[in-house]
């Protein structure tokens, strides 16, 4: 399939969502709030929510006044009126007429905000990973089931046609027996220096239930570099690699891994997360390996620095974000589908970004209007299992022991130290939802 055909097919696949009249009356739009208005919440989620013409943003919340100011500018620039502004998410959730909320805060805040939103009965767009620890995710699951609300976990890559195409190719036998899968992110992850907390940020509120860690930030950034601190985030696998793991799980019909072990983990300088990391998952006998190299490495085929390799007896598939290719075992010509060599920022890549977010927000709106999770592809269950897998990988790395997971009880059979890390102690003043 050539790129032009691929993009045409991609567009037709979302025609059902795009067939609504472009301009909805304001009264018909879904009233939504956004908790967390940093870069992702502003430049992606706000942008595509408003571009879908399905939503009216009536409230925004952040502990960073500069992030709030930029969010208001973004909303105004798209022709919408200024929403109400909040420093406390609980007050946003109390808004009259609120129907849905986007939670795009750092990982350590996800559980408390998600559970509070479920308690208000609103529908939720939730960023991944869904939780910092596994017990939080279990408490979130209970809250979601009780509320019976619509929940969309933001896995944008599963909204491309790639997954369906690759799944058809593999399950039709064209790749033979799948013997190994590897997913990788080879990209620098620098260390942000410690700095003074800006006056615009309520840093105590930012830390919330997590430890009160030193403030770190990259130059010219308006907010903390929280992804580099283990008290706030579980690293590149949990933040970025989880997208590719979700793709693998969807394509191969996988649930939770049986075992997780660390092959290697190398930390450079004073980083809290490894710069080089190799993790091996076993899913019912299928080995799935995560590889991350943050310095000193470029893949022999540079476009494969980010993506997934499916190794079969008849060949190998490499899947990027907006295309895929097949390397036949008989060494015949490589087959290319879509734009596997497209890089971030290229026109081909941007077309793919527009496609997946437009489709995802249209489906989220459809689910809210119809009061069903049926249109949702990134279900809460998907978020739970992919989050649990990456959390277990982090625990395996830090205990340096193989984890043998009981899939029925979600307990670790062989590693009491790892089992103890299923839950972490909250900071004074906050109550862990699993314990309340």
Foldseek 3Di string as FASTA:
>chain_A
DDQVVQLVVLVVVLCVLVVPPQADDPVQAAEEEEEDQPPCNQVPVVVLLVNLNRHADAEYEDQFVVSLVVNQVSCVVSVHHGHHYYPDLLVVLVDPRHAEYEYDAFQQCQLVNLLSNLVSLHEYEYEPLNHLFQLSLVLSVVSCVVSLFAYFYPLLLVSRCVLVVVLCCVVVCVQPAFAAKEFEAAAADDDFDFDDDDPRGPQVVSCAQFDSDGFGDHPPGSGGPQQQDSSGHLHDCRRPVLSQVLSVCVSVVFFAFQKKAWPDFDCPDPTPGGQWTWMWTHTPNYIYIYTYHNDDDADPLNLQNGFMWGHGPQWIKTDHRFWIWTQGPVRPDIGIGHCSSDDPPDPSVVSSSSSSSSSQSSLSSVCSVVSHNVSHDRGSSSSSRSNNRSSLNSLNVVVNHMFRADPVVRATDPDVSSRVRSDDGTDPPDDSSSVD
